[in-house]
Each structure stands twice: as structure tokens, then as C-alpha cells.
Protein backbone atom coordinates (compact mmCIF):
# COMPACT_ATOMS: atom_id res chain seq x y z
CA MET A 1 9.08 -74.08 -24.88
CA PHE A 2 6.34 -71.54 -24.16
CA GLU A 3 6.20 -68.95 -21.38
CA THR A 4 2.90 -68.04 -19.76
CA ALA A 5 2.19 -64.34 -20.09
CA THR A 6 1.44 -62.50 -16.83
CA THR A 7 -1.31 -59.93 -17.24
CA PRO A 8 -1.97 -56.95 -14.92
CA ALA A 9 -5.07 -58.78 -13.71
CA ASP A 10 -2.95 -61.81 -12.73
CA VAL A 11 -0.54 -59.58 -10.81
CA ALA A 12 -3.39 -57.83 -9.01
CA ALA A 13 -5.03 -61.16 -8.14
CA ALA A 14 -1.80 -62.51 -6.70
CA ARG A 15 -1.29 -59.38 -4.56
CA LEU A 16 -4.92 -59.24 -3.46
CA ALA A 17 -5.13 -62.85 -2.23
CA PRO A 18 -3.14 -62.31 1.01
CA VAL A 19 -4.93 -58.99 1.65
CA ALA A 20 -8.31 -60.69 1.37
CA ALA A 21 -7.17 -63.49 3.66
CA GLU A 22 -5.94 -60.94 6.21
CA LEU A 23 -9.26 -59.05 6.10
CA VAL A 24 -11.18 -62.28 6.65
CA GLU A 25 -9.01 -63.06 9.66
CA ILE A 26 -9.43 -59.52 11.03
CA ARG A 27 -13.20 -59.80 10.71
CA ARG A 28 -13.11 -63.15 12.49
CA MET A 29 -11.09 -61.66 15.35
CA LYS A 30 -13.37 -58.61 15.47
CA ALA A 31 -16.42 -60.85 15.76
CA ALA A 32 -14.79 -62.70 18.66
CA LEU A 33 -14.04 -59.36 20.35
CA ASP A 34 -17.65 -58.24 19.82
CA ALA A 35 -18.80 -61.40 21.59
CA ARG A 36 -16.32 -60.71 24.39
CA GLU A 37 -17.65 -57.15 24.71
CA ALA A 38 -21.21 -58.46 24.89
CA ARG A 39 -20.20 -60.74 27.76
CA ALA A 40 -18.54 -57.83 29.58
CA LEU A 41 -21.64 -55.67 29.14
CA ALA A 42 -23.82 -58.51 30.39
CA ALA A 43 -21.54 -58.86 33.42
CA ALA A 44 -22.02 -55.15 34.15
CA GLY A 45 -25.75 -55.72 33.86
CA GLN A 46 -25.55 -58.52 36.39
CA ILE A 47 -23.63 -56.26 38.80
CA ALA A 48 -26.33 -53.61 38.39
CA ASP A 49 -29.10 -56.16 38.94
CA GLU A 50 -27.49 -57.48 42.12
CA TRP A 51 -27.05 -53.95 43.45
CA ALA A 52 -30.65 -53.14 42.53
CA ALA A 53 -31.91 -56.28 44.25
CA ALA A 54 -30.29 -55.14 47.49
CA GLU A 55 -32.19 -51.83 47.47
CA GLU A 56 -35.50 -51.50 49.29
CA THR A 57 -37.51 -49.43 46.80
CA ARG A 58 -38.09 -49.67 43.07
CA SER A 59 -36.81 -46.13 42.50
CA ASP A 60 -33.54 -46.89 44.33
CA ALA A 61 -33.18 -50.08 42.30
CA GLU A 62 -33.55 -48.13 39.06
CA LEU A 63 -31.02 -45.55 40.23
CA ALA A 64 -28.55 -48.34 40.95
CA ARG A 65 -28.79 -49.46 37.32
CA ARG A 66 -28.42 -45.88 36.12
CA SER A 67 -25.35 -45.36 38.27
CA VAL A 68 -23.62 -48.43 36.83
CA ALA A 69 -24.47 -47.26 33.30
CA ALA A 70 -23.19 -43.77 34.07
CA GLU A 71 -19.88 -45.19 35.35
CA LEU A 72 -19.30 -47.13 32.12
CA ALA A 73 -20.55 -44.29 29.92
CA ALA A 74 -18.17 -41.74 31.43
CA ALA A 75 -15.25 -44.15 31.03
CA LEU A 76 -16.17 -44.91 27.41
CA ARG A 77 -17.14 -41.30 26.58
CA VAL A 78 -20.64 -42.20 25.38
CA SER A 79 -24.16 -41.52 26.64
CA ASP A 80 -25.28 -43.53 29.66
CA ARG A 81 -28.55 -44.18 27.84
CA THR A 82 -26.50 -45.79 25.09
CA VAL A 83 -24.72 -47.97 27.65
CA GLN A 84 -27.99 -49.04 29.26
CA ARG A 85 -29.34 -50.01 25.84
CA GLN A 86 -26.15 -51.91 25.00
CA VAL A 87 -26.26 -53.74 28.35
CA CYS A 88 -29.87 -54.77 27.77
CA ASP A 89 -29.07 -55.91 24.23
CA ALA A 90 -26.05 -57.90 25.41
CA GLU A 91 -28.01 -59.59 28.20
CA ARG A 92 -30.82 -60.47 25.83
CA MET A 93 -28.42 -61.93 23.25
CA LEU A 94 -26.39 -63.95 25.76
CA HIS A 95 -29.33 -65.35 27.67
CA ALA A 96 -31.82 -65.97 24.87
CA PHE A 97 -29.66 -66.59 21.80
CA PRO A 98 -26.70 -68.73 22.94
CA ALA A 99 -26.19 -70.40 19.56
CA THR A 100 -25.91 -66.99 17.91
CA VAL A 101 -23.32 -65.90 20.49
CA ALA A 102 -21.35 -69.10 19.89
CA SER A 103 -21.31 -68.48 16.15
CA LEU A 104 -20.23 -64.86 16.76
CA SER A 105 -17.43 -65.98 19.12
CA ALA A 106 -16.16 -68.41 16.49
CA GLY A 107 -16.14 -65.66 13.87
CA ARG A 108 -18.62 -67.43 11.60
CA ILE A 109 -20.99 -64.44 11.68
CA SER A 110 -20.49 -60.73 12.35
CA LEU A 111 -22.11 -58.55 14.98
CA ALA A 112 -24.39 -57.21 12.23
CA HIS A 113 -25.63 -60.76 11.57
CA ALA A 114 -26.17 -61.33 15.29
CA ARG A 115 -28.19 -58.13 15.62
CA VAL A 116 -30.41 -59.12 12.69
CA ILE A 117 -31.06 -62.55 14.24
CA VAL A 118 -31.84 -61.09 17.68
CA GLU A 119 -33.97 -58.27 16.30
CA ALA A 120 -36.10 -60.59 14.18
CA GLY A 121 -36.40 -63.25 16.89
CA ASP A 122 -36.80 -60.94 19.86
CA ARG A 123 -40.58 -61.39 19.96
CA ILE A 124 -40.40 -65.19 20.17
CA GLU A 125 -41.42 -65.94 23.76
CA HIS A 126 -40.53 -69.61 24.36
CA PRO A 127 -36.83 -70.60 24.71
CA GLU A 128 -37.32 -73.88 22.85
CA LEU A 129 -38.84 -72.00 19.92
CA ILE A 130 -35.95 -69.50 19.95
CA ALA A 131 -33.55 -72.43 19.70
CA ASP A 132 -35.47 -73.81 16.71
CA TYR A 133 -35.46 -70.34 15.15
CA GLU A 134 -31.67 -70.05 15.60
CA ASP A 135 -31.15 -73.47 14.03
CA SER A 136 -33.19 -72.38 11.01
CA VAL A 137 -31.39 -69.08 10.35
CA LEU A 138 -27.76 -69.61 11.43
CA PRO A 139 -26.76 -71.74 8.42
CA TYR A 140 -28.05 -68.98 6.16
CA ALA A 141 -26.38 -66.27 8.28
CA GLU A 142 -23.00 -68.03 8.05
CA ALA A 143 -23.21 -68.07 4.25
CA GLU A 144 -24.83 -64.74 3.34
CA SER A 145 -24.58 -61.02 4.12
CA ALA A 146 -26.51 -59.41 6.96
CA SER A 147 -28.67 -57.46 4.49
CA ARG A 148 -29.73 -60.70 2.75
CA LEU A 149 -30.28 -62.35 6.10
CA ARG A 150 -32.77 -59.75 7.34
CA PRO A 151 -35.83 -60.68 5.22
CA VAL A 152 -35.14 -64.39 5.71
CA ALA A 153 -34.88 -63.99 9.49
CA LYS A 154 -38.11 -62.00 9.62
CA ARG A 155 -40.00 -64.67 7.66
CA ARG A 156 -38.56 -67.50 9.76
CA ALA A 157 -39.44 -65.66 12.99
CA GLU A 158 -43.07 -65.46 11.88
CA TRP A 159 -43.26 -69.25 12.22
CA TYR A 160 -42.62 -69.08 15.97
CA LEU A 161 -44.67 -66.04 17.08
CA ASP A 162 -47.73 -66.41 19.28
CA GLU A 163 -49.46 -63.19 18.18
CA THR A 164 -51.03 -62.39 14.82
CA LEU A 165 -49.87 -59.48 12.69
CA ARG A 166 -52.99 -57.53 13.71
CA GLU A 167 -52.14 -57.89 17.40
CA ARG A 168 -48.49 -57.00 16.85
CA HIS A 169 -49.43 -53.91 14.84
CA ALA A 170 -51.67 -52.69 17.67
CA HIS A 171 -48.81 -53.04 20.16
CA ALA A 172 -46.32 -51.36 17.80
CA ALA A 173 -48.67 -48.45 17.08
CA ALA A 174 -48.92 -47.75 20.81
CA ILE A 175 -45.22 -46.76 20.90
CA ARG A 176 -45.10 -44.60 17.77
CA SER A 177 -42.52 -41.84 18.17
CA ILE A 178 -40.64 -38.95 16.64
CA ARG A 179 -37.07 -37.78 17.28
CA VAL A 180 -34.39 -35.48 15.90
CA ASP A 181 -30.88 -36.79 15.16
CA ASP A 182 -28.17 -34.19 14.60
CA LEU A 183 -25.95 -34.30 11.52
CA ASP A 184 -22.97 -32.24 10.40
CA ASP A 185 -22.99 -28.89 8.58
CA GLY A 186 -26.01 -27.44 10.39
CA MET A 187 -28.32 -30.29 9.35
CA ALA A 188 -30.47 -32.80 11.24
CA GLU A 189 -32.75 -35.77 10.56
CA LEU A 190 -36.40 -35.94 11.63
CA ASN A 191 -37.22 -39.61 12.25
CA VAL A 192 -40.88 -40.58 12.56
CA THR A 193 -42.11 -44.05 13.54
CA GLY A 194 -45.78 -44.69 12.95
CA SER A 195 -48.37 -46.50 10.88
CA ALA A 196 -46.95 -47.56 7.51
CA VAL A 197 -50.23 -46.62 5.81
CA LEU A 198 -50.23 -43.10 7.25
CA LEU A 199 -46.54 -42.42 6.71
CA HIS A 200 -46.65 -43.69 3.12
CA GLY A 201 -49.66 -41.44 2.70
CA VAL A 202 -47.70 -38.50 4.10
CA HIS A 203 -44.83 -39.23 1.71
CA ASP A 204 -47.19 -39.56 -1.25
CA ARG A 205 -48.96 -36.28 -0.47
CA LEU A 206 -45.63 -34.48 -0.04
CA THR A 207 -44.50 -35.94 -3.35
CA GLN A 208 -47.63 -34.75 -5.16
CA MET A 209 -47.25 -31.26 -3.70
CA ALA A 210 -43.53 -31.21 -4.47
CA ARG A 211 -44.12 -32.21 -8.08
CA ASP A 212 -46.67 -29.43 -8.46
CA VAL A 213 -44.19 -26.90 -7.06
CA ALA A 214 -41.41 -28.31 -9.26
CA ASP A 215 -43.68 -28.01 -12.30
CA ALA A 216 -44.31 -24.37 -11.39
CA GLU A 217 -40.54 -23.76 -11.12
CA THR A 218 -39.99 -25.46 -14.48
CA GLN A 219 -42.72 -23.32 -16.04
CA ALA A 220 -41.16 -20.17 -14.57
CA ILE A 221 -37.77 -21.10 -16.06
CA ARG A 222 -39.40 -21.82 -19.41
CA GLU A 223 -41.11 -18.43 -19.39
CA ALA A 224 -37.88 -16.72 -18.33
CA ARG A 225 -36.05 -18.31 -21.29
CA GLU A 226 -38.74 -17.05 -23.64
CA GLN A 227 -38.39 -13.59 -22.11
CA VAL A 228 -34.64 -13.68 -22.73
CA LYS A 229 -35.27 -14.60 -26.37
CA LEU A 230 -37.82 -11.78 -26.66
CA GLN A 231 -35.46 -9.20 -25.16
CA ALA A 232 -32.65 -10.46 -27.40
CA ARG A 233 -34.83 -9.85 -30.47
CA LYS A 234 -35.75 -6.40 -29.23
CA ARG A 235 -32.10 -5.65 -28.63
CA ARG A 236 -31.24 -6.79 -32.15
CA ASP A 237 -34.00 -4.65 -33.71
CA ALA A 238 -33.43 -1.60 -31.51
CA THR A 239 -32.27 1.70 -32.95
CA ALA A 240 -29.12 3.38 -31.70
CA SER A 241 -31.09 5.50 -29.23
CA GLU A 242 -33.10 2.48 -28.00
CA ALA A 243 -30.06 0.17 -27.70
CA PRO A 244 -28.92 1.10 -24.13
CA ALA A 245 -32.39 0.53 -22.64
CA ALA A 246 -32.83 -2.67 -24.64
CA GLU A 247 -29.44 -3.90 -23.41
CA GLU A 248 -30.48 -3.26 -19.79
CA ASP A 249 -33.75 -5.15 -20.32
CA LEU A 250 -31.84 -8.09 -21.79
CA ASP A 251 -29.39 -8.13 -18.85
CA ARG A 252 -32.26 -8.13 -16.36
CA ALA A 253 -33.99 -10.98 -18.19
CA ARG A 254 -30.79 -13.04 -18.22
CA ALA A 255 -30.13 -12.33 -14.52
CA HIS A 256 -33.69 -13.40 -13.67
CA LEU A 257 -33.25 -16.64 -15.63
CA ASP A 258 -29.89 -17.35 -13.97
CA ASP A 259 -31.44 -16.78 -10.55
CA LEU A 260 -34.31 -19.18 -11.24
CA VAL A 261 -31.96 -21.88 -12.52
CA ALA A 262 -29.57 -21.44 -9.58
CA HIS A 263 -32.38 -21.81 -7.04
CA ARG A 264 -34.16 -24.70 -8.72
CA ARG A 265 -34.58 -27.46 -6.11
CA PRO A 266 -34.51 -31.23 -6.52
CA LEU A 267 -37.73 -33.04 -5.66
CA ASP A 268 -36.45 -34.27 -2.29
CA ALA A 269 -35.53 -30.74 -1.24
CA VAL A 270 -38.99 -29.46 -2.20
CA ARG A 271 -40.58 -32.26 -0.15
CA VAL A 272 -38.55 -31.24 2.90
CA ASP A 273 -39.36 -27.55 2.43
CA ILE A 274 -43.09 -28.25 2.16
CA LEU A 275 -43.00 -30.50 5.24
CA THR A 276 -41.26 -27.91 7.41
CA ASP A 277 -43.50 -25.14 6.03
CA MET A 278 -46.63 -27.06 6.96
CA LEU A 279 -45.46 -28.22 10.38
CA LEU A 280 -44.15 -24.82 11.48
CA THR A 281 -47.10 -22.73 10.25
CA ALA A 282 -50.24 -24.89 9.98
CA ALA A 283 -52.72 -26.00 12.66
CA PRO A 284 -53.74 -29.69 12.92
CA GLU A 285 -57.34 -30.44 12.00
CA ALA A 286 -57.88 -33.58 14.11
CA HIS A 287 -56.39 -32.42 17.42
CA THR A 288 -57.20 -29.82 20.06
CA GLY A 289 -55.25 -28.59 23.05
CA THR A 290 -55.51 -26.29 26.06
CA THR A 291 -54.28 -23.16 24.24
CA ASP A 292 -57.20 -20.73 23.83
CA ALA A 293 -55.89 -19.49 20.49
CA GLY A 294 -55.59 -23.04 19.19
CA LEU A 295 -52.62 -25.27 18.44
CA GLY A 296 -51.82 -23.15 15.40
CA SER A 297 -50.79 -20.30 17.72
CA ILE A 298 -47.92 -22.33 19.18
CA ARG A 299 -44.59 -21.29 17.67
CA ALA A 300 -41.30 -23.17 17.66
CA THR A 301 -38.51 -21.80 19.88
CA VAL A 302 -34.79 -22.25 19.29
CA GLN A 303 -31.72 -20.60 20.86
CA VAL A 304 -29.07 -19.40 18.43
CA THR A 305 -25.75 -17.78 19.39
CA VAL A 306 -24.52 -15.38 16.70
CA PRO A 307 -21.28 -13.33 16.73
CA VAL A 308 -22.21 -9.68 16.13
CA LEU A 309 -20.03 -9.35 13.03
CA ALA A 310 -21.66 -12.41 11.46
CA LEU A 311 -25.11 -10.98 12.17
CA LEU A 312 -24.18 -7.73 10.47
CA GLY A 313 -22.54 -9.46 7.52
CA SER A 314 -19.36 -7.51 8.24
CA PRO A 315 -16.44 -7.88 5.80
CA VAL A 316 -14.21 -8.55 8.83
CA ASP A 317 -16.45 -11.38 10.03
CA ASP A 318 -14.40 -14.49 10.85
CA PRO A 319 -15.90 -17.32 8.72
CA PHE A 320 -14.51 -19.86 11.20
CA ASP A 321 -16.26 -18.27 14.21
CA PRO A 322 -19.34 -20.49 14.20
CA ILE A 323 -22.97 -19.56 14.71
CA THR A 324 -24.41 -22.20 17.03
CA LEU A 325 -27.84 -23.69 17.64
CA ALA A 326 -28.24 -24.80 21.26
CA GLY A 327 -28.42 -28.57 21.55
CA HIS A 328 -27.06 -29.06 18.01
CA GLY A 329 -23.94 -27.14 16.99
CA PRO A 330 -22.85 -24.86 14.11
CA ILE A 331 -25.41 -23.56 11.58
CA ASP A 332 -24.99 -21.42 8.47
CA PRO A 333 -25.05 -17.59 8.73
CA GLU A 334 -27.88 -17.17 6.19
CA THR A 335 -30.27 -19.16 8.38
CA ALA A 336 -29.20 -17.15 11.44
CA ARG A 337 -29.83 -13.84 9.69
CA ASP A 338 -33.27 -15.01 8.58
CA LEU A 339 -34.07 -15.85 12.21
CA ALA A 340 -32.71 -12.49 13.36
CA ARG A 341 -35.07 -10.56 11.10
CA THR A 342 -38.13 -11.98 12.89
CA ALA A 343 -36.74 -12.53 16.42
CA PRO A 344 -38.78 -10.74 19.13
CA GLY A 345 -35.60 -9.88 21.06
CA TRP A 346 -31.90 -10.54 21.36
CA ASP A 347 -29.52 -11.14 24.26
CA ARG A 348 -26.17 -9.39 24.42
CA ILE A 349 -23.59 -11.91 25.68
CA LEU A 350 -20.44 -10.59 27.32
CA THR A 351 -17.53 -13.03 27.11
CA HIS A 352 -13.97 -13.06 28.38
CA PRO A 353 -11.73 -11.85 25.51
CA ILE A 354 -9.18 -14.62 26.07
CA SER A 355 -10.87 -17.67 27.61
CA GLY A 356 -14.28 -17.08 26.03
CA ALA A 357 -16.10 -17.73 29.33
CA VAL A 358 -19.53 -16.10 29.60
CA LEU A 359 -19.35 -13.15 32.00
CA GLY A 360 -22.94 -11.95 31.73
CA VAL A 361 -26.04 -11.51 29.62
CA ASP A 362 -28.30 -8.49 29.42
CA ARG A 363 -31.31 -7.34 27.44
CA TYR A 364 -33.08 -4.02 26.99
CA GLN A 365 -36.26 -5.36 28.57
CA PRO A 366 -36.11 -6.75 32.17
CA THR A 367 -35.48 -10.53 32.16
CA LYS A 368 -34.42 -13.34 34.48
CA GLU A 369 -30.78 -12.56 33.86
CA MET A 370 -29.31 -15.39 35.88
CA ARG A 371 -31.36 -18.06 34.09
CA ARG A 372 -30.55 -16.54 30.72
CA THR A 373 -26.83 -16.46 31.54
CA LEU A 374 -26.87 -20.14 32.50
CA GLU A 375 -28.82 -21.11 29.38
CA VAL A 376 -26.16 -19.47 27.25
CA ARG A 377 -23.30 -20.93 29.29
CA ASP A 378 -24.54 -24.52 29.46
CA GLN A 379 -26.63 -25.04 26.29
CA HIS A 380 -27.28 -28.67 27.30
CA CYS A 381 -27.24 -31.03 30.28
CA ARG A 382 -23.93 -30.81 32.12
CA PHE A 383 -23.52 -34.53 32.87
CA PRO A 384 -20.58 -35.92 30.84
CA GLY A 385 -21.72 -37.00 27.38
CA CYS A 386 -25.35 -35.83 27.67
CA ARG A 387 -26.74 -33.55 24.94
CA GLN A 388 -30.25 -32.85 26.23
CA SER A 389 -31.05 -29.20 25.43
CA VAL A 390 -31.42 -26.74 28.31
CA SER A 391 -35.09 -26.38 27.34
CA ARG A 392 -35.57 -29.94 28.64
CA CYS A 393 -33.36 -29.55 31.73
CA ASP A 394 -33.72 -28.47 35.37
CA LEU A 395 -31.53 -25.81 36.98
CA ASP A 396 -29.73 -27.67 39.74
CA HIS A 397 -27.92 -26.27 42.79
CA THR A 398 -24.48 -27.89 42.66
CA ILE A 399 -24.35 -27.59 46.46
CA ASP A 400 -27.88 -28.37 47.56
CA TRP A 401 -29.94 -25.49 48.94
CA GLN A 402 -30.72 -27.54 52.02
CA PHE A 403 -27.00 -27.89 52.73
CA GLY A 404 -26.25 -24.18 52.47
CA GLY A 405 -25.87 -23.85 48.71
CA THR A 406 -26.67 -20.37 47.39
CA THR A 407 -28.62 -19.37 44.28
CA VAL A 408 -25.78 -17.85 42.28
CA VAL A 409 -24.45 -18.60 38.80
CA SER A 410 -21.38 -20.30 40.25
CA ASN A 411 -23.60 -22.80 42.09
CA LEU A 412 -26.09 -23.58 39.34
CA GLY A 413 -26.04 -25.84 36.31
CA HIS A 414 -28.48 -27.47 33.91
CA LEU A 415 -29.17 -31.18 34.36
CA CYS A 416 -31.75 -33.23 32.51
CA ARG A 417 -34.26 -34.94 34.77
CA ARG A 418 -32.46 -38.27 34.39
CA HIS A 419 -29.08 -36.95 35.57
CA HIS A 420 -30.62 -34.54 38.08
CA THR A 421 -32.14 -37.56 39.80
CA LEU A 422 -28.88 -39.51 39.47
CA LYS A 423 -26.95 -36.71 41.23
CA HIS A 424 -29.26 -36.52 44.21
CA HIS A 425 -30.06 -40.20 44.77
CA THR A 426 -26.84 -42.11 43.99
CA PRO A 427 -23.20 -41.88 45.19
CA TRP A 428 -22.27 -39.65 42.20
CA ALA A 429 -20.80 -36.33 43.43
CA VAL A 430 -20.12 -33.03 41.64
CA ILE A 431 -18.10 -29.87 42.32
CA GLN A 432 -18.43 -26.65 40.30
CA LYS A 433 -15.17 -24.85 39.49
CA PRO A 434 -14.82 -21.03 39.19
CA ASP A 435 -14.84 -21.26 35.36
CA GLY A 436 -18.19 -23.10 35.40
CA SER A 437 -16.67 -26.56 34.83
CA LEU A 438 -18.36 -29.41 36.67
CA GLU A 439 -16.07 -32.06 38.15
CA TRP A 440 -17.99 -35.32 38.53
CA THR A 441 -16.79 -38.20 40.72
CA SER A 442 -18.32 -41.60 40.04
CA PRO A 443 -19.12 -44.20 42.71
CA GLY A 444 -16.01 -46.04 41.50
CA GLY A 445 -13.80 -43.01 42.20
CA ARG A 446 -13.20 -41.92 38.59
CA VAL A 447 -13.24 -38.17 37.92
CA TYR A 448 -14.77 -36.65 34.77
CA THR A 449 -14.75 -32.93 33.95
CA ASP A 450 -17.55 -31.31 31.93
CA ARG A 451 -16.69 -27.84 30.66
CA PRO A 452 -19.29 -25.24 29.61
CA SER A 453 -20.08 -25.39 25.90
CA SER A 454 -19.96 -21.60 25.60
CA SER A 455 -16.35 -21.39 26.75
CA VAL A 456 -15.44 -23.66 23.84
CA HIS A 457 -17.66 -21.87 21.29
CA PHE A 458 -16.47 -18.40 22.22
CA ALA A 459 -12.75 -19.10 22.74
CA THR A 460 -10.67 -16.82 20.52
CA ASP A 461 -7.63 -18.98 19.92
CA ALA A 462 -6.55 -22.57 20.52
CA GLU A 463 -3.52 -21.20 22.36
CA PHE A 464 -5.83 -20.32 25.26
CA ASP A 465 -7.81 -23.57 25.30
CA PRO A 466 -8.07 -25.27 28.71
CA GLU A 467 -6.09 -28.41 29.30
CA PRO A 468 -7.96 -31.51 28.03
CA ALA A 469 -9.61 -33.82 30.53
CA VAL A 470 -7.72 -36.93 31.55
CA PRO A 471 -8.53 -39.52 28.85
CA ALA A 472 -10.34 -42.72 29.63
CA PRO A 473 -7.97 -45.63 30.35
CA PHE A 474 -8.11 -47.48 27.00
């Protein structure tokens, strides 16, 4: 009688089988919940549409939709723009792609699959053609990954489009855009949408330039190595009286080589450095503007908050006291010091030693002190969840001027144009607290508190942090 040997692979397979089955079931349930969320978002959209339809003007109708989005966004702790986009996407999917929603509800496809199907088929205009398109891609979607589905869905959608590629390209080129997306660790992404020919050309030119710079760095390292060898020979052949000087020359050559090797950049990094160098210093050849000195005279402006000890490079500098870029977040001290060397002026910010609240801002030269204080205090739009920089915001009277509000720091706050309009033309209400916090009340009666960014950035210890806002009811 023989016994079957059990290998480690057999043991692992037996243990993994129920885990895999559980994950499949979880994904199925998650897909069903995603479909349920889409229906809820679409229901919110219908509520907004019915409210908008009851308004007399187009602007009031749009504000009704914004108010509904703001209510959901504050409850979910996300941007109201994000909610509006999600509502539109959900409505489009439910109304135009019912077979896709049914497959998502049954857990046969994931939300990623559904998004690929909707994105590829979104330009199909006739409902009967959309239905044919869904029938052609859903069997593939239910058997393959979303990444494999994407090219298939795009090709199938081409069968049902009314416009030619030339016509679609003309429409797409009309909405070319550029945006900045913040990342962690003082980094950000610059995302450009434009003509494929031009952007591939930009990438190719950057690559050629970067390779030339990289070749120069390689050549410099090669020459530095040869110099080290030369100084080593001189050191070996030096007399006793020449030896100290020869040793110093050899040390300098080695230090120079080490520095070149340490600062050698990968090709991608060189491409980025060349791009930022050109965009921040060069003037465009094919465009003109209203500036008499030319577009090349326009310089980028950023607001950076730097603790004094960090600026001085003090040995008692707290490495966890962050240097912040307005509208972004923490950046590294080396970048801040480089900016400080060429800054035309600096603001001295006086903060409360315990709470970190901004008490005042001054400067050697006369300035608009109140505006500068509020820029430092707010740093971005003060509507809950909004991150629009103060450079793109209006200064709003919390209590309207026409209703007796005064022009003082305690009655002013930065709001982007979108939320400035929302405050004045919808049932949203706001109260400013003595510490600069804004207490927003939604049309549905929910209260959301937005605290000044500076009071968080400058706080000295978590022991003195303000009480957290009441969490959303999840």
C-alpha cells in the first residue's frame, strides 16, 4: 500500500483555495455595492435636476445642482467637484448603459470594467447602437481584465460612431488642457493633454537634450576618474617634501569624482529638469501677450512658509516642523533655501506660541497687511474639502458688507469663485469663529467646520490641537 506524498505546494494550494474563493465573493459583493452607489448618486442627480427645474433662471438652476453636490461632498469629505463628476458619470451609466449596470450588479464585471465600457462607448449617440455595442463587449468584459478590455472596447466603439477620426480629433484638440496634481514628499505631477504628435515631439526633444546632458555628465565622470589616476601616480612618484601637497591634490580629485557620481541623474530626472528650466526661464516663440517686456518677463510666483530656524539651517531646527508650499503642503528645506536666496522680500509671521494661530504679518516695506495675513492664514479656499490656492480665490466678507459686515480679519476669508457664488446664492450659511474657523451649515442642516491651515501647520504640539470636527455619519 502506497501513501501519496504531500508537498509544500500541495499544502499551499489547499490553503489558498478558500482564500481565493472568498476574494472572488468579496469582489462580487463590492461590484454590487458599486452599482448601488451609482444608483444613489443618480438619485441625488435627479433631486438636483428637479430642484433646478423649479428655478426661474439658468444661474439659479446651476447653483441648485452645486448645492446638492456640496451637501454630499461635505458629508463624504471629498470635493464637491468630485461629487458632481461622479453624479454625472452615474447618471450616464444608468441611463445609457443599462446592460453594463446589470452585469455590475450581478458581480460579473467590476467597476473598472464598467468605466472602460462607458468611457469607450460614451461618444456613441444612438441608444440602439449603444445596446449593440454593450452586447459586443460584455462577453469579453466578463471573461478578461479591465486592462485587456480597454483596447477591445475602443475598437468596437469605432464601429458605432457617427464622426470620423479627423472630426473627433478636432473636437478633442479644442479642449486641450494642463493641470497640476499634488503628490507626497514635496512632489507634484504636471499633466498635459494635447495633440499626440506635438506631445510625442516634446518628449522626443526632451529625450535628445537629456541624453546630450547625460553624455556630458558621463564624460565629466570619465575625466574625473582619469584625474584621480593621474594624481595617484603623482602621489606615488612624489618626494618626501612633495608628498603632502600631492596627497591634498589626490584628495581633492577623489572628492570631485565622488561629487559627480553622487549627483549623476537618471535620464527621466534630466528630462524633468530641462523641462522646468525651459518653462520657467524661456520665452515662447509662437505666442505674444499684452506684457510690454514680452512673455519671457513673466515670472512664476509661489508662497512658501518657512520656520526661521529651518531657513538659517540651525542645528536646533526641528526636522518635523514642515516647510509648506501654499496649495500643496510640505516641501524639502533645500528647495526653500534656494528660493530664499532669490526672493525679493519676506514676510515675518507672528503666531500664537501654543495654538499656532496667525496673529499678524509684517514686512519692512509697506504692504497690504490684512490681505497678506489672510493669505498666510487661509492658504486655500475655506469651503470644506476645497484646495484652490488663495491666488485663485476671492476675499469674502463672512457677514456681507451690505448687511453690516466690517472689513476686518475676523470677518474675511478666501473662497474660490465657485464656492463664493455658492455662499451668496444658495441656502448655505457660514459663521466665522474667533480662531478663524469657518462653520458651514448646509441646506440640509448639517454643520461642517473648516479650520485655518496655518493653525495646523504652526501648532507646536498635538497636546494643544483643537478638537476634531464631528465625523460624517458613516
